Amino acid sequence: MPKTSYTGRHRPAAKPSRGRQFVVPVALLSSTVAGGLVIRDAGASQLSPEAAAMKNVSNSVAGLGLAADPEAVSAAAANRAGARSSRDMARDAKTLIVGATQTATQSAAEAQAAAVKAAADRAAAQKAKAAAAAKAKQAAAARALARAHRWVSPVAGYTLTSGFGFRWGKMHPAQDLACPVGSPVHSLSSGTVIFAGWSNEGYGNFVKIRYWDGTVSWMAHNSRLLVSVGETVTPGQVVAYSGSTGNSTGPHVHLEIHPDDGAAVAPITWLAKHGVML
């Protein structure tokens, strides 16, 4: 009997086996093969790990006529993505380093500028403080000098009697200030005592003072002297007590003014020019 094959509807005839098969998506296969060809055609001397893996896959597919292993394709794609990530990270790190360096440089420059400005401000403040202190010192010295150079009246509570001019046929070179015996007699300003003692010329107890501007005062007929030759005096200092010693007709202060220790001038006029009204 001739052999017949079963052609029933339960099971189709088995086709001859072609061995193990791999299914690779057409899009991935085409891109992988194209990637391998591009890498190969570019003539690169050294392939990156992901390119090498893809090249192996494409060679396997092209040379053996087999479908690519999905795991191999996934590994190659992962390697490629990892390499890209590494490059991106390196680029980002470089960007961060450059940015940080620029920021640090800018911060250092700003800090240095701030330090220079602060030092300049401190120096200016110290200079202003020193200038203010010097100005205050100068003002204090000026006030002290003004106090030392002021002019005052020789006696208080007096009455003007004989004035400057001719009297009884001769010159009276003074202004007499009548006052009770023992009235304080004051220095007219700051100066030095050049004579203090008894006068044989009729002045009785007599004191001469040379003041800071060279003017010399004579004050005579005192009952008692309180200063000695060479002593420095200040404006208003008590140098004697009034009296009626020497050639005197009554208690008074005989006041003479000799500018630059020269000839006598009218005391009322001279003192008025210096702010003292007798």
Protein backbone atom coordinates (compact mmCIF):
# COMPACT_ATOMS: atom_id res chain seq x y z
CA MET A 1 0.00 0.00 0.00
CA PRO A 2 1.31 3.34 -0.77
CA LYS A 3 2.13 5.57 2.21
CA THR A 4 -0.27 8.33 2.82
CA SER A 5 0.09 11.25 5.21
CA TYR A 6 -2.58 12.28 7.61
CA THR A 7 -4.27 15.39 6.48
CA GLY A 8 -6.77 15.71 9.13
CA ARG A 9 -7.87 18.97 10.54
CA HIS A 10 -6.56 18.38 14.04
CA ARG A 11 -2.88 19.23 13.60
CA PRO A 12 -0.99 20.66 10.62
CA ALA A 13 2.11 19.01 9.45
CA ALA A 14 5.22 20.13 11.24
CA LYS A 15 7.63 22.24 9.25
CA PRO A 16 11.32 21.41 9.23
CA SER A 17 13.17 23.05 12.15
CA ARG A 18 15.62 25.79 11.35
CA GLY A 19 17.24 25.95 14.76
CA ARG A 20 16.87 28.58 17.49
CA GLN A 21 15.50 31.92 16.35
CA PHE A 22 15.70 35.45 17.86
CA VAL A 23 13.20 38.13 17.21
CA VAL A 24 14.56 41.63 16.93
CA PRO A 25 12.33 44.66 16.22
CA VAL A 26 12.93 45.93 12.74
CA ALA A 27 13.43 49.50 13.86
CA LEU A 28 16.03 48.54 16.49
CA LEU A 29 17.73 46.15 14.06
CA SER A 30 17.91 48.75 11.34
CA SER A 31 19.24 51.42 13.69
CA THR A 32 21.73 49.02 15.21
CA VAL A 33 23.00 47.88 11.84
CA ALA A 34 23.06 51.43 10.58
CA GLY A 35 24.92 52.48 13.74
CA GLY A 36 27.48 49.78 13.17
CA LEU A 37 27.89 50.76 9.56
CA VAL A 38 28.25 54.43 10.43
CA ILE A 39 30.87 53.65 13.05
CA ARG A 40 32.65 51.31 10.67
CA ASP A 41 32.53 53.76 7.77
CA ALA A 42 33.75 56.64 9.90
CA GLY A 43 37.10 54.88 10.17
CA ALA A 44 37.45 55.55 13.90
CA SER A 45 40.61 54.11 15.31
CA GLN A 46 38.96 53.19 18.60
CA LEU A 47 35.31 52.52 19.31
CA SER A 48 33.51 53.39 22.48
CA PRO A 49 32.17 50.46 24.54
CA GLU A 50 28.57 50.95 23.43
CA ALA A 51 29.59 51.33 19.78
CA ALA A 52 31.64 48.13 20.00
CA ALA A 53 28.71 46.28 21.52
CA MET A 54 26.36 47.50 18.84
CA LYS A 55 28.91 46.59 16.17
CA ASN A 56 29.08 43.05 17.53
CA VAL A 57 25.32 42.79 17.45
CA SER A 58 25.14 44.15 13.91
CA ASN A 59 27.92 41.80 12.76
CA SER A 60 26.13 38.87 14.31
CA VAL A 61 22.92 39.78 12.58
CA ALA A 62 24.55 40.52 9.24
CA GLY A 63 27.05 37.66 9.21
CA LEU A 64 25.12 34.85 10.73
CA GLY A 65 21.73 35.71 9.47
CA LEU A 66 20.32 35.49 13.00
CA ALA A 67 18.02 37.76 14.88
CA ALA A 68 19.78 39.94 17.52
CA ASP A 69 19.62 38.93 21.16
CA PRO A 70 17.33 41.41 22.96
CA GLU A 71 19.48 41.28 26.10
CA ALA A 72 22.59 42.12 24.12
CA VAL A 73 20.79 44.94 22.36
CA SER A 74 19.52 46.29 25.68
CA ALA A 75 23.00 46.04 27.23
CA ALA A 76 24.52 47.90 24.30
CA ALA A 77 21.90 50.60 24.50
CA ALA A 78 22.42 50.88 28.25
CA ASN A 79 26.18 51.18 27.81
CA ARG A 80 25.66 53.83 25.21
CA ALA A 81 23.25 55.74 27.46
CA GLY A 82 25.67 55.35 30.39
CA ALA A 83 28.52 56.74 28.35
CA ARG A 84 26.39 59.69 27.34
CA SER A 85 25.43 60.22 30.97
CA SER A 86 29.10 60.13 32.00
CA ARG A 87 29.99 62.72 29.39
CA ASP A 88 27.08 64.88 30.45
CA MET A 89 28.10 64.56 34.09
CA ALA A 90 31.69 65.45 33.26
CA ARG A 91 30.51 68.44 31.26
CA ASP A 92 28.17 69.52 34.06
CA ALA A 93 30.93 69.07 36.65
CA LYS A 94 33.27 71.19 34.55
CA THR A 95 30.59 73.84 34.24
CA LEU A 96 30.04 73.78 37.99
CA ILE A 97 33.78 74.03 38.70
CA VAL A 98 34.21 76.94 36.30
CA GLY A 99 31.17 78.68 37.77
CA ALA A 100 32.37 78.11 41.32
CA THR A 101 35.84 79.40 40.42
CA GLN A 102 34.38 82.52 38.85
CA THR A 103 32.11 83.04 41.85
CA ALA A 104 35.00 82.57 44.27
CA THR A 105 37.16 84.98 42.28
CA GLN A 106 34.38 87.56 42.21
CA SER A 107 33.72 87.10 45.92
CA ALA A 108 37.42 87.48 46.70
CA ALA A 109 37.58 90.66 44.60
CA GLU A 110 34.49 92.05 46.32
CA ALA A 111 35.88 91.15 49.74
CA GLN A 112 39.18 92.84 48.90
CA ALA A 113 37.38 95.93 47.63
CA ALA A 114 35.25 96.00 50.80
CA ALA A 115 38.39 95.66 52.95
CA VAL A 116 40.09 98.50 51.07
CA LYS A 117 37.00 100.69 51.45
CA ALA A 118 36.74 99.86 55.16
CA ALA A 119 40.42 100.72 55.66
CA ALA A 120 39.94 103.98 53.76
CA ASP A 121 36.87 104.80 55.86
CA ARG A 122 38.79 104.10 59.07
CA ALA A 123 41.69 106.25 57.91
CA ALA A 124 39.29 109.06 56.96
CA ALA A 125 37.53 108.79 60.32
CA GLN A 126 40.84 108.86 62.18
CA LYS A 127 41.99 111.82 60.09
CA ALA A 128 38.73 113.67 60.78
CA LYS A 129 39.01 112.84 64.47
CA ALA A 130 42.61 114.07 64.57
CA ALA A 131 41.63 117.22 62.69
CA ALA A 132 38.75 117.84 65.11
CA ALA A 133 41.05 117.27 68.09
CA ALA A 134 43.65 119.63 66.63
CA LYS A 135 40.96 122.22 65.94
CA ALA A 136 39.63 121.89 69.49
CA LYS A 137 43.16 122.18 70.85
CA GLN A 138 43.80 125.28 68.76
CA ALA A 139 40.51 126.80 69.92
CA ALA A 140 41.37 126.06 73.55
CA ALA A 141 44.80 127.59 73.09
CA ALA A 142 43.26 130.65 71.46
CA ARG A 143 40.82 131.03 74.36
CA ALA A 144 43.63 130.64 76.88
CA LEU A 145 45.72 133.20 75.02
CA ALA A 146 42.79 135.59 74.87
CA ARG A 147 42.28 135.22 78.63
CA ALA A 148 45.99 135.79 79.23
CA HIS A 149 46.07 138.86 77.00
CA ARG A 150 42.93 140.55 78.22
CA TRP A 151 43.11 143.94 79.92
CA VAL A 152 41.37 144.86 83.20
CA SER A 153 40.93 147.87 85.48
CA PRO A 154 43.64 148.32 88.15
CA VAL A 155 41.22 148.96 91.02
CA ALA A 156 37.51 148.81 91.82
CA GLY A 157 35.43 151.39 93.70
CA TYR A 158 37.56 154.41 92.80
CA THR A 159 37.04 158.08 91.97
CA LEU A 160 38.92 159.81 89.20
CA THR A 161 40.86 162.79 90.56
CA SER A 162 43.98 164.34 89.00
CA GLY A 163 44.25 163.38 85.33
CA PHE A 164 47.03 163.21 82.77
CA GLY A 165 48.52 166.65 81.97
CA PHE A 166 50.08 169.71 83.55
CA ARG A 167 49.37 170.31 87.23
CA TRP A 168 50.81 173.04 89.47
CA GLY A 169 53.14 174.10 86.74
CA LYS A 170 54.56 170.69 85.88
CA MET A 171 53.56 167.56 83.99
CA HIS A 172 51.49 164.96 85.83
CA PRO A 173 52.03 161.82 83.63
CA ALA A 174 49.35 159.68 85.29
CA GLN A 175 45.73 159.22 86.21
CA ASP A 176 44.95 159.21 89.92
CA LEU A 177 42.25 156.85 91.18
CA ALA A 178 41.17 157.78 94.71
CA CYS A 179 40.15 154.80 96.84
CA PRO A 180 40.23 153.70 100.52
CA VAL A 181 43.54 152.52 101.96
CA GLY A 182 43.95 148.77 101.52
CA SER A 183 41.93 148.48 98.29
CA PRO A 184 43.26 145.65 96.09
CA VAL A 185 45.44 146.84 93.20
CA HIS A 186 45.37 144.52 90.17
CA SER A 187 47.74 143.70 87.35
CA LEU A 188 46.35 145.11 84.10
CA SER A 189 47.17 141.93 82.08
CA SER A 190 49.69 139.07 82.02
CA GLY A 191 53.32 140.07 82.39
CA THR A 192 56.43 140.14 84.58
CA VAL A 193 57.29 142.35 87.57
CA ILE A 194 60.37 144.45 86.76
CA PHE A 195 60.39 146.58 89.92
CA ALA A 196 58.79 146.23 93.37
CA GLY A 197 60.00 148.35 96.30
CA TRP A 198 60.38 151.79 97.76
CA SER A 199 60.89 154.72 95.42
CA ASN A 200 63.13 157.64 96.42
CA GLU A 201 61.41 159.79 93.80
CA GLY A 202 58.24 160.34 95.83
CA TYR A 203 56.27 157.29 94.58
CA GLY A 204 56.36 155.49 97.91
CA ASN A 205 55.72 151.71 97.60
CA PHE A 206 55.98 151.33 93.88
CA VAL A 207 55.50 148.43 91.41
CA LYS A 208 56.36 148.26 87.71
CA ILE A 209 55.00 145.48 85.43
CA ARG A 210 56.03 144.78 81.81
CA TYR A 211 53.11 143.16 79.97
CA TRP A 212 53.04 140.66 77.10
CA ASP A 213 52.92 143.39 74.43
CA GLY A 214 55.84 145.38 75.91
CA THR A 215 53.69 147.98 77.69
CA VAL A 216 54.86 148.92 81.22
CA SER A 217 52.54 150.16 84.00
CA TRP A 218 53.59 152.14 87.05
CA MET A 219 51.38 151.94 90.15
CA ALA A 220 52.50 154.05 93.12
CA HIS A 221 51.68 155.20 96.70
CA ASN A 222 50.68 151.67 97.77
CA SER A 223 50.46 150.73 101.42
CA ARG A 224 51.89 147.22 100.81
CA LEU A 225 53.38 145.24 97.92
CA LEU A 226 52.54 141.56 97.29
CA VAL A 227 54.92 140.69 94.42
CA SER A 228 58.67 140.74 93.79
CA VAL A 229 60.94 141.35 90.82
CA GLY A 230 60.88 138.53 88.22
CA GLU A 231 57.49 137.20 89.26
CA THR A 232 54.93 136.52 86.50
CA VAL A 233 51.42 137.85 86.94
CA THR A 234 48.06 137.23 85.29
CA PRO A 235 45.23 139.65 84.40
CA GLY A 236 43.48 140.88 87.55
CA GLN A 237 46.02 139.39 89.96
CA VAL A 238 46.34 141.41 93.18
CA VAL A 239 49.86 142.84 93.28
CA ALA A 240 49.48 145.48 96.04
CA TYR A 241 47.13 147.30 98.37
CA SER A 242 46.42 151.00 97.89
CA GLY A 243 47.68 153.65 100.28
CA SER A 244 49.15 157.12 100.54
CA THR A 245 52.91 156.53 100.80
CA GLY A 246 55.50 158.89 99.30
CA ASN A 247 54.51 162.33 98.09
CA SER A 248 50.74 161.92 98.36
CA THR A 249 47.89 164.13 99.54
CA GLY A 250 45.50 161.23 100.17
CA PRO A 251 44.97 157.52 99.54
CA HIS A 252 44.87 156.74 95.83
CA VAL A 253 46.48 154.68 93.05
CA HIS A 254 48.85 156.66 90.85
CA LEU A 255 48.64 154.91 87.41
CA GLU A 256 51.07 155.55 84.55
CA ILE A 257 51.12 153.78 81.13
CA HIS A 258 54.39 153.57 79.15
CA PRO A 259 53.97 151.80 75.76
CA ASP A 260 57.12 149.80 74.94
CA ASP A 261 58.54 151.20 78.20
CA GLY A 262 58.80 154.61 76.56
CA ALA A 263 57.18 157.95 77.35
CA ALA A 264 53.98 158.01 79.37
CA VAL A 265 50.59 158.42 77.64
CA ALA A 266 47.12 159.24 78.96
CA PRO A 267 45.92 156.09 80.79
CA ILE A 268 42.20 156.70 80.13
CA THR A 269 42.71 156.96 76.35
CA TRP A 270 45.10 154.00 76.13
CA LEU A 271 42.94 151.70 78.27
CA ALA A 272 39.82 152.64 76.30
CA LYS A 273 41.54 151.37 73.12
CA HIS A 274 42.09 148.06 74.93
CA GLY A 275 38.51 147.67 76.10
CA VAL A 276 38.85 149.09 79.63
CA MET A 277 36.79 152.14 80.49
CA LEU A 278 37.97 154.10 83.55
